[in-house]
C-alpha cells in the first residue's frame, strides 16, 4: 500500500542543527499521523535528524539513498499508523 505524503521538505545543503529545526517546525504545522518526506545530505544530517525526530516522539518509517542525498519518511507523533 502506498504511503500518502502530506509535506515534502528539501533540507539538502542545510547544516545541523538548522536542518533538524526546520524539520521540527514543519512537523509542528502538521496533524498527527501525517507523513513528511525529508531530503537530507549524507553524513551527520542523515544520522542526526532522524534520530532527533525519533527522540521527539515521531516515527521514522523509511530512509533510502536517492542519488547523493537521502529521502527520509517521518510520521508525525500521535499516530496509530499501520504500514
N, C-alpha and C. Protein backbone atom coordinates (compact mmCIF):
# COMPACT_ATOMS: atom_id res chain seq x y z
N UNK A 1 0.84 -1.18 0.00
CA UNK A 1 0.00 0.00 0.00
C UNK A 1 0.89 1.24 0.00
N UNK A 2 0.66 2.18 -0.95
CA UNK A 2 1.50 3.37 -1.00
C UNK A 2 1.25 4.29 0.20
N UNK A 3 2.31 4.99 0.58
CA UNK A 3 2.24 5.91 1.70
C UNK A 3 1.82 7.28 1.16
N UNK A 4 0.90 7.95 1.85
CA UNK A 4 0.43 9.27 1.43
C UNK A 4 1.28 10.34 2.13
N UNK A 5 2.10 11.01 1.35
CA UNK A 5 2.98 12.05 1.88
C UNK A 5 2.21 13.37 1.92
N UNK A 6 2.20 13.99 3.10
CA UNK A 6 1.49 15.24 3.30
C UNK A 6 2.34 16.44 2.91
N UNK A 7 3.63 16.37 3.22
CA UNK A 7 4.53 17.50 3.00
C UNK A 7 5.89 16.98 2.60
N UNK A 8 6.59 17.75 1.76
CA UNK A 8 7.95 17.41 1.35
C UNK A 8 8.85 18.60 1.66
N UNK A 9 10.03 18.31 2.21
CA UNK A 9 10.94 19.38 2.62
C UNK A 9 12.36 19.01 2.22
N UNK A 10 12.96 19.82 1.34
CA UNK A 10 14.33 19.59 0.89
C UNK A 10 15.28 20.31 1.83
N UNK A 11 16.00 19.54 2.64
CA UNK A 11 16.95 20.09 3.59
C UNK A 11 18.39 19.83 3.16
N UNK A 12 18.57 19.42 1.91
CA UNK A 12 19.93 19.19 1.42
C UNK A 12 20.67 20.52 1.43
N UNK A 13 21.93 20.47 1.82
CA UNK A 13 22.73 21.68 1.90
C UNK A 13 22.60 22.42 3.23
N UNK A 14 21.66 21.98 4.07
CA UNK A 14 21.47 22.59 5.39
C UNK A 14 22.33 21.87 6.42
N UNK A 15 22.95 22.62 7.29
CA UNK A 15 23.81 22.04 8.32
C UNK A 15 23.02 21.77 9.60
N UNK A 16 23.54 20.86 10.42
CA UNK A 16 22.96 20.59 11.73
C UNK A 16 23.27 21.77 12.64
N UNK A 17 22.40 22.23 13.49
CA UNK A 17 21.07 21.72 13.78
C UNK A 17 19.96 22.43 13.00
N UNK A 18 20.33 23.30 12.04
CA UNK A 18 19.32 24.05 11.29
C UNK A 18 18.36 23.09 10.57
N UNK A 19 18.89 22.02 9.98
CA UNK A 19 18.01 21.08 9.27
C UNK A 19 17.02 20.42 10.23
N UNK A 20 17.47 20.07 11.43
CA UNK A 20 16.56 19.48 12.42
C UNK A 20 15.48 20.50 12.83
N UNK A 21 15.88 21.73 13.07
CA UNK A 21 14.92 22.75 13.50
C UNK A 21 13.86 23.00 12.42
N UNK A 22 14.28 23.04 11.15
CA UNK A 22 13.32 23.24 10.06
C UNK A 22 12.36 22.05 9.95
N UNK A 23 12.88 20.83 10.13
CA UNK A 23 12.02 19.64 10.10
C UNK A 23 11.04 19.67 11.27
N UNK A 24 11.52 20.05 12.44
CA UNK A 24 10.67 20.11 13.64
C UNK A 24 9.54 21.13 13.46
N UNK A 25 9.86 22.30 12.92
CA UNK A 25 8.86 23.34 12.68
C UNK A 25 7.81 22.84 11.67
N UNK A 26 8.27 22.18 10.62
CA UNK A 26 7.34 21.65 9.61
C UNK A 26 6.41 20.63 10.24
N UNK A 27 6.94 19.76 11.09
CA UNK A 27 6.11 18.75 11.76
C UNK A 27 5.10 19.39 12.71
N UNK A 28 5.47 20.47 13.36
CA UNK A 28 4.56 21.16 14.27
C UNK A 28 3.34 21.70 13.54
N UNK A 29 3.48 21.99 12.25
CA UNK A 29 2.38 22.52 11.45
C UNK A 29 1.48 21.42 10.89
N UNK A 30 1.85 20.17 11.13
CA UNK A 30 1.11 19.04 10.59
C UNK A 30 0.22 18.40 11.65
N UNK A 31 -0.78 17.64 11.20
CA UNK A 31 -1.66 16.90 12.11
C UNK A 31 -1.02 15.55 12.46
N UNK A 32 -1.36 15.00 13.63
CA UNK A 32 -0.85 13.67 13.98
C UNK A 32 -1.15 12.65 12.88
N UNK A 33 -0.23 11.76 12.66
CA UNK A 33 -0.23 10.68 11.67
C UNK A 33 0.00 11.12 10.24
N UNK A 34 0.18 12.41 9.99
CA UNK A 34 0.57 12.83 8.65
C UNK A 34 2.05 12.51 8.44
N UNK A 35 2.42 12.37 7.17
CA UNK A 35 3.78 11.95 6.83
C UNK A 35 4.51 13.06 6.09
N UNK A 36 5.74 13.31 6.54
CA UNK A 36 6.60 14.28 5.87
C UNK A 36 7.76 13.55 5.20
N UNK A 37 8.12 14.02 4.04
CA UNK A 37 9.24 13.49 3.28
C UNK A 37 10.36 14.52 3.39
N UNK A 38 11.50 14.09 3.93
CA UNK A 38 12.65 14.98 4.11
C UNK A 38 13.77 14.53 3.19
N UNK A 39 14.50 15.47 2.63
CA UNK A 39 15.68 15.17 1.85
C UNK A 39 16.88 15.72 2.59
N UNK A 40 17.81 14.82 2.95
CA UNK A 40 18.96 15.16 3.78
C UNK A 40 20.26 14.72 3.12
N UNK A 41 21.34 15.45 3.42
CA UNK A 41 22.66 15.07 2.95
C UNK A 41 23.16 13.87 3.75
N UNK A 42 24.11 13.14 3.16
CA UNK A 42 24.69 12.03 3.90
C UNK A 42 25.60 12.55 5.01
N UNK A 43 26.04 11.67 5.87
CA UNK A 43 26.88 12.07 7.00
C UNK A 43 26.04 12.46 8.20
N UNK A 44 26.44 13.52 8.87
CA UNK A 44 25.76 13.96 10.09
C UNK A 44 24.26 14.21 9.89
N UNK A 45 23.82 14.89 8.81
CA UNK A 45 22.39 15.14 8.67
C UNK A 45 21.53 13.87 8.69
N UNK A 46 21.89 12.86 7.89
CA UNK A 46 21.05 11.66 7.83
C UNK A 46 21.19 10.79 9.09
N UNK A 47 22.26 10.99 9.84
CA UNK A 47 22.41 10.26 11.11
C UNK A 47 21.67 10.97 12.24
N UNK A 48 21.81 12.30 12.29
CA UNK A 48 21.30 13.05 13.44
C UNK A 48 19.83 13.44 13.36
N UNK A 49 19.37 13.88 12.19
CA UNK A 49 18.00 14.38 12.10
C UNK A 49 16.97 13.27 12.39
N UNK A 50 17.04 12.11 11.73
CA UNK A 50 16.06 11.06 12.06
C UNK A 50 16.10 10.65 13.54
N UNK A 51 17.30 10.52 14.09
CA UNK A 51 17.44 10.14 15.50
C UNK A 51 16.81 11.19 16.40
N UNK A 52 17.06 12.47 16.11
CA UNK A 52 16.50 13.55 16.92
C UNK A 52 14.98 13.60 16.81
N UNK A 53 14.45 13.36 15.62
CA UNK A 53 13.00 13.36 15.44
C UNK A 53 12.35 12.21 16.20
N UNK A 54 13.02 11.05 16.22
CA UNK A 54 12.50 9.92 17.00
C UNK A 54 12.52 10.24 18.49
N UNK A 55 13.54 10.96 18.93
CA UNK A 55 13.61 11.35 20.35
C UNK A 55 12.48 12.32 20.70
N UNK A 56 11.97 13.03 19.69
CA UNK A 56 10.84 13.94 19.88
C UNK A 56 9.50 13.19 19.86
N UNK A 57 9.54 11.88 19.55
CA UNK A 57 8.33 11.07 19.56
C UNK A 57 7.77 10.75 18.19
N UNK A 58 8.44 11.19 17.13
CA UNK A 58 7.97 10.90 15.77
C UNK A 58 8.48 9.52 15.34
N UNK A 59 7.91 9.00 14.27
CA UNK A 59 8.26 7.66 13.79
C UNK A 59 8.91 7.75 12.41
N UNK A 60 10.17 7.33 12.32
CA UNK A 60 10.86 7.28 11.03
C UNK A 60 10.50 5.94 10.40
N UNK A 61 9.84 5.99 9.23
CA UNK A 61 9.37 4.74 8.61
C UNK A 61 10.22 4.30 7.43
N UNK A 62 11.08 5.19 6.90
CA UNK A 62 11.92 4.78 5.78
C UNK A 62 13.05 5.77 5.59
N UNK A 63 14.23 5.23 5.26
CA UNK A 63 15.39 6.03 4.87
C UNK A 63 15.97 5.35 3.64
N UNK A 64 16.04 6.08 2.53
CA UNK A 64 16.63 5.49 1.33
C UNK A 64 17.50 6.52 0.63
N UNK A 65 18.59 6.03 0.05
CA UNK A 65 19.50 6.90 -0.68
C UNK A 65 18.96 7.11 -2.08
N UNK A 66 18.89 8.38 -2.50
CA UNK A 66 18.44 8.74 -3.83
C UNK A 66 19.53 9.65 -4.40
N UNK A 67 20.29 9.11 -5.35
CA UNK A 67 21.46 9.82 -5.89
C UNK A 67 22.43 10.13 -4.75
N UNK A 68 22.68 11.41 -4.49
CA UNK A 68 23.67 11.78 -3.47
C UNK A 68 23.02 12.25 -2.16
N UNK A 69 21.69 12.20 -2.08
CA UNK A 69 21.01 12.60 -0.85
C UNK A 69 20.13 11.46 -0.35
N UNK A 70 19.59 11.63 0.83
CA UNK A 70 18.73 10.62 1.43
C UNK A 70 17.31 11.13 1.55
N UNK A 71 16.37 10.23 1.26
CA UNK A 71 14.94 10.51 1.41
C UNK A 71 14.48 9.82 2.69
N UNK A 72 13.94 10.60 3.61
CA UNK A 72 13.53 10.09 4.91
C UNK A 72 12.04 10.37 5.07
N UNK A 73 11.27 9.33 5.41
CA UNK A 73 9.83 9.48 5.66
C UNK A 73 9.58 9.41 7.15
N UNK A 74 8.86 10.43 7.66
CA UNK A 74 8.60 10.54 9.10
C UNK A 74 7.10 10.73 9.32
N UNK A 75 6.55 9.96 10.24
CA UNK A 75 5.15 10.11 10.64
C UNK A 75 5.13 10.99 11.88
N UNK A 76 4.28 12.01 11.84
CA UNK A 76 4.17 12.90 13.00
C UNK A 76 3.66 12.15 14.22
N UNK A 77 4.18 12.49 15.36
CA UNK A 77 3.80 11.87 16.64
C UNK A 77 2.30 11.92 16.86
N UNK A 78 1.84 11.01 17.68
CA UNK A 78 0.41 10.92 17.96
C UNK A 78 -0.30 10.00 17.01
N UNK A 79 0.46 9.18 16.32
CA UNK A 79 -0.08 8.35 15.26
C UNK A 79 -0.45 6.95 15.75
N UNK A 80 -1.35 6.37 15.04
CA UNK A 80 -1.64 4.94 15.10
C UNK A 80 -1.65 4.50 13.64
N UNK A 81 -0.47 4.35 13.10
CA UNK A 81 -0.33 4.09 11.67
C UNK A 81 0.10 2.66 11.45
N UNK A 82 -0.53 2.01 10.52
CA UNK A 82 -0.08 0.68 10.12
C UNK A 82 0.49 0.80 8.71
N UNK A 83 1.69 0.39 8.56
CA UNK A 83 2.38 0.48 7.26
C UNK A 83 2.53 -0.91 6.68
